[in-house]
Amino acid sequence: MNAVGACGLQLYNFGQTVSLVFFTDTWKPDSFYDRVRENAGLGLHTLVLLDIKVKEQSEENLARFVGFLLFPGLQLPDLSGDDRGRKIYEPPRYMSIPQAVSQLLEIESLRAENVLSPKTTLAIALSRVGGDAGDQRIVCGTLEELSQQPQEAFGEPLHSLVIVGKRLHHLEVEYAEAYAVCKEVWRGVAKEEYGCTLD
């Protein structure tokens, strides 16, 4: 987790780390929001680890497999040839930064606690930090700016997101500015909303 320091934020200004999972139509867990709110209340940054789905079975295949195990003699409809009783895995999926921002803002709209704002919450997208410097990608901006960037802007997965806390120091602003989508917006929000004194 120390690799997140590559973005220029001071590690001792980080609060609790949270995980953000892929939402489904029927499952949208929001317990992460409580930690984000607590961190924000203390002015601390929040590291958000984005979900990955690797070696996951489809709901249909999982139901067929469980049915086969529970009722071995039961004739289940053969939907996929010779795959009866064999686990079939979905292709890997990695949560993108725009999807993460969308889910964060969706929960903010449901909770309406004014913790996150598309135009005035600063965030830093991270990709492959701690590895080969050529693969590492850092992109800074407001949540709105990050949500509007093409997927290619964030590099290859795995991705993480840092929600910037209000204890933001002017040196952190200046360092991260090199990675900003728009330097003027980054500095303006840091000054007006975060209270940073900048030259």
C-alpha atoms as a PDB file:
ATOM      1  CA  MET A   1       0.000   0.000   0.000  1.00  0.00           C
ATOM      2  CA  ASN A   2       2.994   2.285   0.361  1.00  0.00           C
ATOM      3  CA  ALA A   3       3.196   2.446  -3.428  1.00  0.00           C
ATOM      4  CA  VAL A   4       0.290   4.918  -3.374  1.00  0.00           C
ATOM      5  CA  GLY A   5       2.840   7.499  -2.201  1.00  0.00           C
ATOM      6  CA  ALA A   6       3.954   7.744  -5.827  1.00  0.00           C
ATOM      7  CA  CYS A   7       1.079  10.166  -6.399  1.00  0.00           C
ATOM      8  CA  GLY A   8       2.651  12.705  -4.045  1.00  0.00           C
ATOM      9  CA  LEU A   9       0.200  12.481  -1.158  1.00  0.00           C
ATOM     10  CA  GLN A  10       1.710  12.109   2.301  1.00  0.00           C
ATOM     11  CA  LEU A  11       1.074   8.612   3.663  1.00  0.00           C
ATOM     12  CA  TYR A  12       0.339   9.794   7.184  1.00  0.00           C
ATOM     13  CA  ASN A  13      -2.634  11.774   5.837  1.00  0.00           C
ATOM     14  CA  PHE A  14      -4.436   8.609   4.729  1.00  0.00           C
ATOM     15  CA  GLY A  15      -7.379   7.239   6.666  1.00  0.00           C
ATOM     16  CA  GLN A  16      -9.037   3.861   6.348  1.00  0.00           C
ATOM     17  CA  THR A  17      -8.768   2.027   3.035  1.00  0.00           C
ATOM     18  CA  VAL A  18     -11.988   0.816   1.410  1.00  0.00           C
ATOM     19  CA  SER A  19     -12.912  -1.649  -1.323  1.00  0.00           C
ATOM     20  CA  LEU A  20     -15.441  -0.861  -4.027  1.00  0.00           C
ATOM     21  CA  VAL A  21     -17.137  -3.892  -5.584  1.00  0.00           C
ATOM     22  CA  PHE A  22     -18.966  -4.217  -8.886  1.00  0.00           C
ATOM     23  CA  PHE A  23     -22.634  -3.348  -8.421  1.00  0.00           C
ATOM     24  CA  THR A  24     -25.340  -5.587  -9.839  1.00  0.00           C
ATOM     25  CA  ASP A  25     -29.000  -4.798 -10.503  1.00  0.00           C
ATOM     26  CA  THR A  26     -29.927  -6.269  -7.119  1.00  0.00           C
ATOM     27  CA  TRP A  27     -26.805  -5.697  -5.009  1.00  0.00           C
ATOM     28  CA  LYS A  28     -25.253  -2.296  -4.359  1.00  0.00           C
ATOM     29  CA  PRO A  29     -23.396  -2.441  -1.057  1.00  0.00           C
ATOM     30  CA  ASP A  30     -22.639   0.981   0.368  1.00  0.00           C
ATOM     31  CA  SER A  31     -20.800   0.264   3.627  1.00  0.00           C
ATOM     32  CA  PHE A  32     -17.630   1.764   2.098  1.00  0.00           C
ATOM     33  CA  TYR A  33     -19.360   5.157   2.165  1.00  0.00           C
ATOM     34  CA  ASP A  34     -19.281   5.257   5.978  1.00  0.00           C
ATOM     35  CA  ARG A  35     -15.471   4.951   5.959  1.00  0.00           C
ATOM     36  CA  VAL A  36     -15.168   7.601   3.231  1.00  0.00           C
ATOM     37  CA  ARG A  37     -17.349   9.930   5.322  1.00  0.00           C
ATOM     38  CA  GLU A  38     -15.296   9.255   8.470  1.00  0.00           C
ATOM     39  CA  ASN A  39     -12.038   9.913   6.633  1.00  0.00           C
ATOM     40  CA  ALA A  40     -13.454  13.077   5.070  1.00  0.00           C
ATOM     41  CA  GLY A  41     -14.608  14.279   8.487  1.00  0.00           C
ATOM     42  CA  LEU A  42     -11.011  14.025   9.690  1.00  0.00           C
ATOM     43  CA  GLY A  43      -9.637  15.602   6.510  1.00  0.00           C
ATOM     44  CA  LEU A  44      -7.894  12.356   5.526  1.00  0.00           C
ATOM     45  CA  HIS A  45      -7.358  10.839   2.092  1.00  0.00           C
ATOM     46  CA  THR A  46      -9.179   7.591   1.277  1.00  0.00           C
ATOM     47  CA  LEU A  47      -7.575   4.852  -0.797  1.00  0.00           C
ATOM     48  CA  VAL A  48     -10.286   3.028  -2.754  1.00  0.00           C
ATOM     49  CA  LEU A  49      -9.320  -0.429  -4.030  1.00  0.00           C
ATOM     50  CA  LEU A  50     -11.321  -1.299  -7.136  1.00  0.00           C
ATOM     51  CA  ASP A  51     -12.924  -4.683  -7.663  1.00  0.00           C
ATOM     52  CA  ILE A  52     -11.586  -7.434  -9.877  1.00  0.00           C
ATOM     53  CA  LYS A  53     -13.481 -10.490 -11.068  1.00  0.00           C
ATOM     54  CA  VAL A  54     -11.105 -13.297 -11.907  1.00  0.00           C
ATOM     55  CA  LYS A  55     -12.139 -16.948 -12.077  1.00  0.00           C
ATOM     56  CA  GLU A  56     -15.776 -16.100 -11.371  1.00  0.00           C
ATOM     57  CA  GLN A  57     -18.599 -18.367 -12.432  1.00  0.00           C
ATOM     58  CA  SER A  58     -21.682 -16.992 -14.158  1.00  0.00           C
ATOM     59  CA  GLU A  59     -24.884 -17.162 -12.104  1.00  0.00           C
ATOM     60  CA  GLU A  60     -26.354 -19.601 -14.635  1.00  0.00           C
ATOM     61  CA  ASN A  61     -23.346 -21.918 -14.525  1.00  0.00           C
ATOM     62  CA  LEU A  62     -23.138 -21.702 -10.741  1.00  0.00           C
ATOM     63  CA  ALA A  63     -26.813 -22.662 -10.424  1.00  0.00           C
ATOM     64  CA  ARG A  64     -26.321 -25.601 -12.815  1.00  0.00           C
ATOM     65  CA  PHE A  65     -23.202 -26.746 -10.971  1.00  0.00           C
ATOM     66  CA  VAL A  66     -24.869 -26.545  -7.541  1.00  0.00           C
ATOM     67  CA  GLY A  67     -27.909 -28.410  -8.929  1.00  0.00           C
ATOM     68  CA  PHE A  68     -25.625 -31.107 -10.323  1.00  0.00           C
ATOM     69  CA  LEU A  69     -23.874 -31.493  -6.939  1.00  0.00           C
ATOM     70  CA  LEU A  70     -27.076 -31.556  -4.879  1.00  0.00           C
ATOM     71  CA  PHE A  71     -29.088 -33.749  -7.216  1.00  0.00           C
ATOM     72  CA  PRO A  72     -26.652 -35.907  -9.255  1.00  0.00           C
ATOM     73  CA  GLY A  73     -29.419 -38.041 -10.742  1.00  0.00           C
ATOM     74  CA  LEU A  74     -31.563 -35.075 -11.737  1.00  0.00           C
ATOM     75  CA  GLN A  75     -31.667 -34.438 -15.469  1.00  0.00           C
ATOM     76  CA  LEU A  76     -30.797 -30.796 -15.924  1.00  0.00           C
ATOM     77  CA  PRO A  77     -31.323 -29.141 -19.286  1.00  0.00           C
ATOM     78  CA  ASP A  78     -28.105 -29.325 -21.260  1.00  0.00           C
ATOM     79  CA  LEU A  79     -27.477 -25.693 -22.176  1.00  0.00           C
ATOM     80  CA  SER A  80     -23.853 -25.941 -23.145  1.00  0.00           C
ATOM     81  CA  GLY A  81     -22.964 -29.302 -24.635  1.00  0.00           C
ATOM     82  CA  ASP A  82     -20.688 -31.501 -22.542  1.00  0.00           C
ATOM     83  CA  ASP A  83     -20.235 -28.991 -19.727  1.00  0.00           C
ATOM     84  CA  ARG A  84     -22.610 -30.655 -17.238  1.00  0.00           C
ATOM     85  CA  GLY A  85     -20.888 -30.697 -13.856  1.00  0.00           C
ATOM     86  CA  ARG A  86     -17.885 -28.744 -15.096  1.00  0.00           C
ATOM     87  CA  LYS A  87     -17.197 -25.243 -13.810  1.00  0.00           C
ATOM     88  CA  ILE A  88     -17.228 -22.578 -16.501  1.00  0.00           C
ATOM     89  CA  TYR A  89     -15.642 -19.243 -15.660  1.00  0.00           C
ATOM     90  CA  GLU A  90     -16.470 -15.787 -16.913  1.00  0.00           C
ATOM     91  CA  PRO A  91     -13.737 -13.740 -18.609  1.00  0.00           C
ATOM     92  CA  PRO A  92     -11.767 -11.573 -16.140  1.00  0.00           C
ATOM     93  CA  ARG A  93     -13.129  -8.084 -15.442  1.00  0.00           C
ATOM     94  CA  TYR A  94     -11.400  -5.157 -13.790  1.00  0.00           C
ATOM     95  CA  MET A  95     -13.275  -2.131 -12.488  1.00  0.00           C
ATOM     96  CA  SER A  96     -12.367   1.024 -14.394  1.00  0.00           C
ATOM     97  CA  ILE A  97     -11.926   4.479 -12.913  1.00  0.00           C
ATOM     98  CA  PRO A  98     -15.026   5.922 -14.671  1.00  0.00           C
ATOM     99  CA  GLN A  99     -17.133   3.024 -13.382  1.00  0.00           C
ATOM    100  CA  ALA A 100     -15.774   3.501  -9.858  1.00  0.00           C
ATOM    101  CA  VAL A 101     -16.550   7.232  -9.925  1.00  0.00           C
ATOM    102  CA  SER A 102     -20.044   6.489 -11.252  1.00  0.00           C
ATOM    103  CA  GLN A 103     -20.709   4.035  -8.422  1.00  0.00           C
ATOM    104  CA  LEU A 104     -19.327   6.416  -5.785  1.00  0.00           C
ATOM    105  CA  LEU A 105     -21.571   9.219  -7.025  1.00  0.00           C
ATOM    106  CA  GLU A 106     -24.561   6.877  -7.244  1.00  0.00           C
ATOM    107  CA  ILE A 107     -24.229   6.080  -3.545  1.00  0.00           C
ATOM    108  CA  GLU A 108     -23.680   9.768  -2.760  1.00  0.00           C
ATOM    109  CA  SER A 109     -26.957  10.576  -4.533  1.00  0.00           C
ATOM    110  CA  LEU A 110     -28.762   7.886  -2.502  1.00  0.00           C
ATOM    111  CA  ARG A 111     -27.218   8.898   0.828  1.00  0.00           C
ATOM    112  CA  ALA A 112     -27.256  12.669   0.110  1.00  0.00           C
ATOM    113  CA  GLU A 113     -24.714  13.425   2.859  1.00  0.00           C
ATOM    114  CA  ASN A 114     -22.625  15.817   0.741  1.00  0.00           C
ATOM    115  CA  VAL A 115     -19.390  13.891   1.228  1.00  0.00           C
ATOM    116  CA  LEU A 116     -18.588  13.632  -2.483  1.00  0.00           C
ATOM    117  CA  SER A 117     -19.205  16.251  -5.142  1.00  0.00           C
ATOM    118  CA  PRO A 118     -18.468  15.731  -8.852  1.00  0.00           C
ATOM    119  CA  LYS A 119     -17.119  19.255  -9.352  1.00  0.00           C
ATOM    120  CA  THR A 120     -15.383  19.927  -6.020  1.00  0.00           C
ATOM    121  CA  THR A 121     -14.009  16.579  -4.803  1.00  0.00           C
ATOM    122  CA  LEU A 122     -10.441  15.983  -5.926  1.00  0.00           C
ATOM    123  CA  ALA A 123      -9.282  12.454  -6.661  1.00  0.00           C
ATOM    124  CA  ILE A 124      -6.249  10.658  -8.003  1.00  0.00           C
ATOM    125  CA  ALA A 125      -6.479   7.609 -10.255  1.00  0.00           C
ATOM    126  CA  LEU A 126      -3.609   5.134  -9.979  1.00  0.00           C
ATOM    127  CA  SER A 127      -2.618   2.266 -12.222  1.00  0.00           C
ATOM    128  CA  ARG A 128       0.142  -0.278 -11.679  1.00  0.00           C
ATOM    129  CA  VAL A 129       1.975   1.789  -9.071  1.00  0.00           C
ATOM    130  CA  GLY A 130       4.923   0.123  -7.445  1.00  0.00           C
ATOM    131  CA  GLY A 131       5.805  -1.858 -10.558  1.00  0.00           C
ATOM    132  CA  ASP A 132       7.704  -0.931 -13.676  1.00  0.00           C
ATOM    133  CA  ALA A 133       7.788   2.860 -13.918  1.00  0.00           C
ATOM    134  CA  GLY A 134       6.890   2.635 -17.618  1.00  0.00           C
ATOM    135  CA  ASP A 135       3.581   0.925 -16.799  1.00  0.00           C
ATOM    136  CA  GLN A 136       2.627   3.216 -13.926  1.00  0.00           C
ATOM    137  CA  ARG A 137      -0.083   5.801 -14.584  1.00  0.00           C
ATOM    138  CA  ILE A 138      -1.318   8.623 -12.348  1.00  0.00           C
ATOM    139  CA  VAL A 139      -4.192  10.937 -13.322  1.00  0.00           C
ATOM    140  CA  CYS A 140      -5.520  13.711 -11.046  1.00  0.00           C
ATOM    141  CA  GLY A 141      -8.681  15.769 -11.231  1.00  0.00           C
ATOM    142  CA  THR A 142     -12.151  16.289  -9.883  1.00  0.00           C
ATOM    143  CA  LEU A 143     -14.444  13.275  -9.823  1.00  0.00           C
ATOM    144  CA  GLU A 144     -16.258  14.788 -12.797  1.00  0.00           C
ATOM    145  CA  GLU A 145     -13.042  15.199 -14.800  1.00  0.00           C
ATOM    146  CA  LEU A 146     -11.947  11.626 -14.083  1.00  0.00           C
ATOM    147  CA  SER A 147     -15.352  10.262 -15.080  1.00  0.00           C
ATOM    148  CA  GLN A 148     -15.047  11.970 -18.480  1.00  0.00           C
ATOM    149  CA  GLN A 149     -11.598  10.645 -19.414  1.00  0.00           C
ATOM    150  CA  PRO A 150     -11.285   7.784 -21.906  1.00  0.00           C
ATOM    151  CA  GLN A 151     -10.344   4.442 -20.390  1.00  0.00           C
ATOM    152  CA  GLU A 152      -6.944   4.582 -22.129  1.00  0.00           C
ATOM    153  CA  ALA A 153      -6.007   7.632 -20.051  1.00  0.00           C
ATOM    154  CA  PHE A 154      -5.788   5.439 -16.953  1.00  0.00           C
ATOM    155  CA  GLY A 155      -3.535   2.719 -18.334  1.00  0.00           C
ATOM    156  CA  GLU A 156      -3.817  -1.008 -17.838  1.00  0.00           C
ATOM    157  CA  PRO A 157      -5.451  -2.516 -14.735  1.00  0.00           C
ATOM    158  CA  LEU A 158      -5.201  -2.909 -11.797  1.00  0.00           C
ATOM    159  CA  HIS A 159      -6.607   0.492 -10.794  1.00  0.00           C
ATOM    160  CA  SER A 160      -7.073   2.290  -7.504  1.00  0.00           C
ATOM    161  CA  LEU A 161      -8.543   5.670  -6.661  1.00  0.00           C
ATOM    162  CA  VAL A 162      -7.643   8.134  -3.935  1.00  0.00           C
ATOM    163  CA  ILE A 163     -10.326  10.511  -2.694  1.00  0.00           C
ATOM    164  CA  VAL A 164      -8.352  13.533  -1.549  1.00  0.00           C
ATOM    165  CA  GLY A 165      -8.977  14.744   2.005  1.00  0.00           C
ATOM    166  CA  LYS A 166      -9.305  18.373   3.117  1.00  0.00           C
ATOM    167  CA  ARG A 167      -5.977  18.266   5.011  1.00  0.00           C
ATOM    168  CA  LEU A 168      -4.397  18.583   1.605  1.00  0.00           C
ATOM    169  CA  HIS A 169      -1.021  20.297   1.879  1.00  0.00           C
ATOM    170  CA  HIS A 170       0.161  22.790  -0.732  1.00  0.00           C
ATOM    171  CA  LEU A 171       3.197  20.585  -1.516  1.00  0.00           C
ATOM    172  CA  GLU A 172       0.858  17.683  -2.262  1.00  0.00           C
ATOM    173  CA  VAL A 173      -1.134  19.926  -4.612  1.00  0.00           C
ATOM    174  CA  GLU A 174       1.993  21.075  -6.407  1.00  0.00           C
ATOM    175  CA  TYR A 175       3.430  17.573  -6.814  1.00  0.00           C
ATOM    176  CA  ALA A 176       0.178  16.010  -8.047  1.00  0.00           C
ATOM    177  CA  GLU A 177      -0.467  18.949 -10.386  1.00  0.00           C
ATOM    178  CA  ALA A 178       1.979  17.362 -12.845  1.00  0.00           C
ATOM    179  CA  TYR A 179      -0.593  14.577 -13.360  1.00  0.00           C
ATOM    180  CA  ALA A 180      -3.708  16.777 -13.453  1.00  0.00           C
ATOM    181  CA  VAL A 181      -6.257  16.562 -16.255  1.00  0.00           C
ATOM    182  CA  CYS A 182      -6.477  20.352 -16.046  1.00  0.00           C
ATOM    183  CA  LYS A 183      -3.889  22.135 -13.911  1.00  0.00           C
ATOM    184  CA  GLU A 184      -6.044  25.263 -13.513  1.00  0.00           C
ATOM    185  CA  VAL A 185      -9.053  23.299 -12.233  1.00  0.00           C
ATOM    186  CA  TRP A 186      -6.842  21.196  -9.931  1.00  0.00           C
ATOM    187  CA  ARG A 187      -5.260  24.296  -8.373  1.00  0.00           C
ATOM    188  CA  GLY A 188      -8.548  26.214  -8.286  1.00  0.00           C
ATOM    189  CA  VAL A 189     -10.438  23.496  -6.419  1.00  0.00           C
ATOM    190  CA  ALA A 190      -7.484  22.929  -4.074  1.00  0.00           C
ATOM    191  CA  LYS A 191      -7.466  26.639  -3.245  1.00  0.00           C
ATOM    192  CA  GLU A 192     -11.200  27.365  -3.092  1.00  0.00           C
ATOM    193  CA  GLU A 193     -12.603  24.118  -1.683  1.00  0.00           C
ATOM    194  CA  TYR A 194      -9.639  22.681   0.227  1.00  0.00           C
ATOM    195  CA  GLY A 195      -8.228  25.943   1.551  1.00  0.00           C
ATOM    196  CA  CYS A 196      -4.707  25.441   0.221  1.00  0.00           C
ATOM    197  CA  THR A 197      -2.491  28.498   0.008  1.00  0.00           C
ATOM    198  CA  LEU A 198      -0.821  28.381  -3.385  1.00  0.00           C
ATOM    199  CA  ASP A 199       1.569  30.774  -5.114  1.00  0.00           C
END
